[in-house]
Amino acid sequence: MAFICVMCDKPESDCLCEKYCMLCKSPEGLRLCADGCYYCEPCREACDFQPED
């Protein structure tokens, strides 16, 4: 099952939303995580969020 963006209800590959990290607002290295939000790599590591493989 693909992770779905909370803004547009589409998977990461089809999402056209403006993307930024939900925690630090960084636009770099973003990935969609299970909660439907995008996070940068440092925030994913700090919070132990895993992007979809």
N, C-alpha and C. Protein backbone atom coordinates (compact mmCIF):
# COMPACT_ATOMS: atom_id res chain seq x y z
N MET A 1 0.84 -1.18 0.00
CA MET A 1 0.00 0.00 0.00
C MET A 1 0.89 1.25 0.00
N ALA A 2 0.63 2.17 -0.89
CA ALA A 2 1.43 3.39 -1.01
C ALA A 2 1.02 4.42 0.05
N PHE A 3 1.99 5.21 0.50
CA PHE A 3 1.68 6.32 1.39
C PHE A 3 0.96 7.38 0.57
N ILE A 4 -0.02 8.04 1.17
CA ILE A 4 -0.85 9.01 0.48
C ILE A 4 -0.68 10.40 1.11
N CYS A 5 -0.47 11.40 0.28
CA CYS A 5 -0.34 12.79 0.74
C CYS A 5 -1.65 13.26 1.36
N VAL A 6 -1.58 13.90 2.53
CA VAL A 6 -2.79 14.37 3.20
C VAL A 6 -3.42 15.57 2.49
N MET A 7 -2.65 16.27 1.67
CA MET A 7 -3.17 17.46 0.99
C MET A 7 -3.95 17.10 -0.27
N CYS A 8 -3.43 16.15 -1.07
CA CYS A 8 -4.05 15.88 -2.38
C CYS A 8 -4.58 14.45 -2.53
N ASP A 9 -4.37 13.62 -1.54
CA ASP A 9 -4.82 12.22 -1.57
C ASP A 9 -4.22 11.43 -2.72
N LYS A 10 -2.96 11.73 -3.06
CA LYS A 10 -2.25 11.00 -4.11
C LYS A 10 -0.95 10.43 -3.55
N PRO A 11 -0.43 9.37 -4.17
CA PRO A 11 0.87 8.83 -3.72
C PRO A 11 1.99 9.81 -4.07
N GLU A 12 3.14 9.61 -3.45
CA GLU A 12 4.29 10.51 -3.64
C GLU A 12 4.63 10.71 -5.11
N SER A 13 4.56 9.66 -5.92
CA SER A 13 4.92 9.75 -7.33
C SER A 13 3.98 10.63 -8.15
N ASP A 14 2.74 10.82 -7.68
CA ASP A 14 1.76 11.64 -8.40
C ASP A 14 1.47 12.98 -7.73
N CYS A 15 2.01 13.21 -6.56
CA CYS A 15 1.74 14.41 -5.78
C CYS A 15 2.39 15.63 -6.44
N LEU A 16 1.60 16.68 -6.65
CA LEU A 16 2.09 17.93 -7.22
C LEU A 16 2.03 19.07 -6.22
N CYS A 17 1.82 18.76 -4.97
CA CYS A 17 1.74 19.78 -3.92
C CYS A 17 3.09 20.48 -3.73
N GLU A 18 3.03 21.69 -3.20
CA GLU A 18 4.27 22.38 -2.80
C GLU A 18 4.82 21.60 -1.62
N LYS A 19 6.06 21.14 -1.73
CA LYS A 19 6.62 20.23 -0.72
C LYS A 19 7.64 20.95 0.16
N TYR A 20 7.52 20.70 1.46
CA TYR A 20 8.47 21.19 2.45
C TYR A 20 8.32 20.31 3.69
N CYS A 21 9.38 20.24 4.48
CA CYS A 21 9.36 19.43 5.69
C CYS A 21 8.33 19.99 6.68
N MET A 22 7.48 19.14 7.19
CA MET A 22 6.44 19.57 8.13
C MET A 22 7.01 20.03 9.47
N LEU A 23 8.24 19.66 9.78
CA LEU A 23 8.83 20.06 11.06
C LEU A 23 9.71 21.30 10.94
N CYS A 24 10.64 21.30 9.98
CA CYS A 24 11.59 22.41 9.91
C CYS A 24 11.40 23.30 8.69
N LYS A 25 10.47 22.94 7.81
CA LYS A 25 10.12 23.70 6.60
C LYS A 25 11.19 23.65 5.51
N SER A 26 12.17 22.77 5.63
CA SER A 26 13.20 22.62 4.61
C SER A 26 12.60 22.07 3.32
N PRO A 27 13.06 22.55 2.15
CA PRO A 27 12.59 22.01 0.88
C PRO A 27 13.51 20.91 0.33
N GLU A 28 14.53 20.51 1.09
CA GLU A 28 15.56 19.58 0.62
C GLU A 28 15.34 18.16 1.11
N GLY A 29 15.55 17.19 0.23
CA GLY A 29 15.57 15.77 0.61
C GLY A 29 14.27 15.25 1.17
N LEU A 30 13.18 15.70 0.64
CA LEU A 30 11.87 15.34 1.19
C LEU A 30 11.39 13.98 0.73
N ARG A 31 10.69 13.31 1.62
CA ARG A 31 10.03 12.03 1.32
C ARG A 31 8.72 12.00 2.07
N LEU A 32 7.74 11.39 1.46
CA LEU A 32 6.43 11.21 2.07
C LEU A 32 6.50 10.05 3.06
N CYS A 33 5.97 10.26 4.25
CA CYS A 33 5.99 9.21 5.28
C CYS A 33 4.58 8.73 5.57
N ALA A 34 4.47 7.73 6.43
CA ALA A 34 3.20 7.04 6.68
C ALA A 34 2.08 7.96 7.14
N ASP A 35 2.39 9.08 7.80
CA ASP A 35 1.34 9.98 8.27
C ASP A 35 0.81 10.90 7.18
N GLY A 36 1.37 10.77 5.95
CA GLY A 36 0.89 11.56 4.82
C GLY A 36 1.56 12.90 4.67
N CYS A 37 2.59 13.15 5.45
CA CYS A 37 3.33 14.41 5.40
C CYS A 37 4.75 14.17 4.89
N TYR A 38 5.36 15.25 4.40
CA TYR A 38 6.73 15.19 3.91
C TYR A 38 7.70 15.64 4.99
N TYR A 39 8.85 14.93 5.06
CA TYR A 39 9.90 15.26 6.02
C TYR A 39 11.25 15.17 5.35
N CYS A 40 12.18 16.05 5.75
CA CYS A 40 13.55 16.00 5.23
C CYS A 40 14.30 14.87 5.95
N GLU A 41 15.44 14.50 5.42
CA GLU A 41 16.20 13.38 5.98
C GLU A 41 16.59 13.60 7.45
N PRO A 42 17.13 14.77 7.84
CA PRO A 42 17.48 14.94 9.26
C PRO A 42 16.28 14.80 10.20
N CYS A 43 15.14 15.33 9.81
CA CYS A 43 13.95 15.21 10.66
C CYS A 43 13.42 13.78 10.68
N ARG A 44 13.48 13.08 9.54
CA ARG A 44 13.07 11.67 9.51
C ARG A 44 13.93 10.85 10.45
N GLU A 45 15.23 11.09 10.42
CA GLU A 45 16.14 10.33 11.29
C GLU A 45 15.90 10.66 12.76
N ALA A 46 15.71 11.95 13.08
CA ALA A 46 15.51 12.37 14.46
C ALA A 46 14.21 11.81 15.03
N CYS A 47 13.19 11.70 14.20
CA CYS A 47 11.87 11.25 14.67
C CYS A 47 11.59 9.79 14.32
N ASP A 48 12.54 9.14 13.69
CA ASP A 48 12.40 7.75 13.29
C ASP A 48 11.20 7.51 12.36
N PHE A 49 11.00 8.45 11.42
CA PHE A 49 9.98 8.28 10.39
C PHE A 49 10.62 7.56 9.21
N GLN A 50 9.91 6.61 8.65
CA GLN A 50 10.42 5.84 7.53
C GLN A 50 9.62 6.17 6.27
N PRO A 51 10.31 6.57 5.19
CA PRO A 51 9.61 6.79 3.94
C PRO A 51 9.27 5.44 3.30
N GLU A 52 8.40 5.48 2.33
CA GLU A 52 8.05 4.27 1.60
C GLU A 52 9.26 3.78 0.80
N ASP A 53 9.44 2.49 0.74
CA ASP A 53 10.58 1.93 -0.02
C ASP A 53 10.36 2.06 -1.50
